[in-house]
């Protein structure tokens, strides 16, 4: 993995990374990376979606990552490992909400 890249390249990398970790919990989960003009090419908003449920929920702000953080972090195994664990935990929360009796 190499650090750096354009805003669009880093956004694509982040989307693939999030999906690859979230789908380990359920292949039905989809990652969403909010990017573009509204974020002034400085940050990304992240959510996971399972059917009509979102993590974080739509009534809360998306999880924010700065462009610099992701651009530098994608070249760091410890950073990627930490983010991967975090994404899988979000995905498990979505799955538990779908089947509450299985989380007990």
Protein backbone atom coordinates (compact mmCIF):
# COMPACT_ATOMS: atom_id res chain seq x y z
CA UNK A 1 0.00 0.00 0.00
CA UNK A 2 1.21 3.46 -0.81
CA UNK A 3 0.27 6.65 0.94
CA UNK A 4 -0.87 9.71 -0.94
CA UNK A 5 -2.94 10.14 -4.06
CA UNK A 6 -5.49 12.57 -5.36
CA UNK A 7 -8.72 13.25 -3.48
CA UNK A 8 -10.65 11.00 -5.90
CA UNK A 9 -8.10 8.17 -5.64
CA UNK A 10 -8.14 8.29 -1.85
CA UNK A 11 -11.97 8.32 -1.83
CA UNK A 12 -12.02 5.20 -4.04
CA UNK A 13 -9.45 3.47 -1.86
CA UNK A 14 -11.49 4.30 1.26
CA UNK A 15 -14.70 2.93 -0.28
CA UNK A 16 -13.03 -0.36 -1.27
CA UNK A 17 -11.37 -0.68 2.13
CA UNK A 18 -14.62 -0.06 4.02
CA UNK A 19 -16.57 -2.51 1.88
CA UNK A 20 -13.92 -5.20 2.19
CA UNK A 21 -14.07 -5.09 5.99
CA UNK A 22 -17.83 -4.54 6.41
CA UNK A 23 -18.70 -7.40 4.06
CA UNK A 24 -16.76 -9.80 6.29
CA UNK A 25 -19.65 -9.40 8.73
CA UNK A 26 -22.42 -9.47 6.10
CA UNK A 27 -22.15 -9.40 2.31
CA UNK A 28 -25.32 -7.28 2.27
CA UNK A 29 -23.66 -4.29 3.95
CA UNK A 30 -22.62 -1.41 1.72
CA UNK A 31 -20.22 1.37 2.59
CA UNK A 32 -20.98 4.96 1.71
CA UNK A 33 -18.25 7.58 1.35
CA UNK A 34 -19.59 11.11 1.24
CA UNK A 35 -17.09 13.17 -0.73
CA UNK A 36 -16.97 15.94 -3.27
CA UNK A 37 -17.65 19.65 -3.37
CA UNK A 38 -19.63 19.83 -0.13
CA UNK A 39 -16.54 18.65 1.72
CA UNK A 40 -14.27 21.07 -0.15
CA UNK A 41 -11.95 18.20 -1.06
CA UNK A 42 -10.71 18.20 2.54
CA UNK A 43 -12.67 15.40 4.19
CA UNK A 44 -14.82 12.30 3.80
CA UNK A 45 -17.99 11.28 5.61
CA UNK A 46 -18.45 7.56 6.16
CA UNK A 47 -21.52 5.41 6.83
CA UNK A 48 -22.46 1.77 6.48
CA UNK A 49 -25.87 0.71 5.19
CA UNK A 50 -27.80 -2.53 5.62
CA UNK A 51 -31.13 -2.30 3.83
CA UNK A 52 -32.81 0.77 5.38
CA UNK A 53 -30.54 1.00 8.43
CA UNK A 54 -27.40 3.10 8.63
CA UNK A 55 -24.45 3.28 10.98
CA UNK A 56 -24.20 5.97 12.12
CA UNK A 57 -27.94 6.61 11.71
CA UNK A 58 -28.98 9.31 9.26
CA UNK A 59 -30.11 11.59 12.09
CA UNK A 60 -26.48 11.75 13.27
CA UNK A 61 -23.47 13.11 11.41
CA UNK A 62 -21.38 10.74 9.31
CA UNK A 63 -18.05 9.62 10.75
CA UNK A 64 -15.53 12.20 9.53
CA UNK A 65 -12.05 11.53 8.22
CA UNK A 66 -9.79 14.23 6.88
CA UNK A 67 -8.29 13.75 3.45
CA UNK A 68 -4.81 14.06 4.99
CA UNK A 69 -5.55 11.38 7.61
CA UNK A 70 -6.75 8.83 5.05
CA UNK A 71 -4.11 9.72 2.49
CA UNK A 72 -1.30 9.20 5.01
CA UNK A 73 -2.98 6.36 6.91
CA UNK A 74 -3.62 4.08 3.95
CA UNK A 75 0.11 3.43 3.83
CA UNK A 76 0.26 2.45 7.52
CA UNK A 77 -0.56 -1.10 8.57
CA UNK A 78 -1.43 -0.12 12.19
CA UNK A 79 -3.79 2.63 10.98
CA UNK A 80 -5.48 0.26 8.53
CA UNK A 81 -5.78 -2.47 11.16
CA UNK A 82 -7.43 -0.06 13.61
CA UNK A 83 -9.85 1.25 10.98
CA UNK A 84 -10.67 -2.29 9.82
CA UNK A 85 -11.58 -3.33 13.36
CA UNK A 86 -13.71 -0.21 13.78
CA UNK A 87 -15.59 -0.87 10.52
CA UNK A 88 -16.25 -4.48 11.45
CA UNK A 89 -17.66 -3.35 14.82
CA UNK A 90 -20.04 -0.94 13.03
CA UNK A 91 -21.07 -3.75 10.70
CA UNK A 92 -21.76 -6.09 13.63
CA UNK A 93 -23.98 -3.38 15.19
CA UNK A 94 -26.02 -3.23 11.97
CA UNK A 95 -26.36 -7.00 11.86
CA UNK A 96 -27.37 -7.14 15.54
CA UNK A 97 -30.06 -4.53 14.91
CA UNK A 98 -31.43 -6.73 12.13
CA UNK A 99 -31.60 -9.79 14.40
CA UNK A 100 -31.80 -8.54 18.01
CA UNK A 101 -32.27 -12.02 19.49
CA UNK A 102 -28.91 -13.15 18.09
CA UNK A 103 -27.02 -10.40 19.94
CA UNK A 104 -28.29 -11.45 23.37
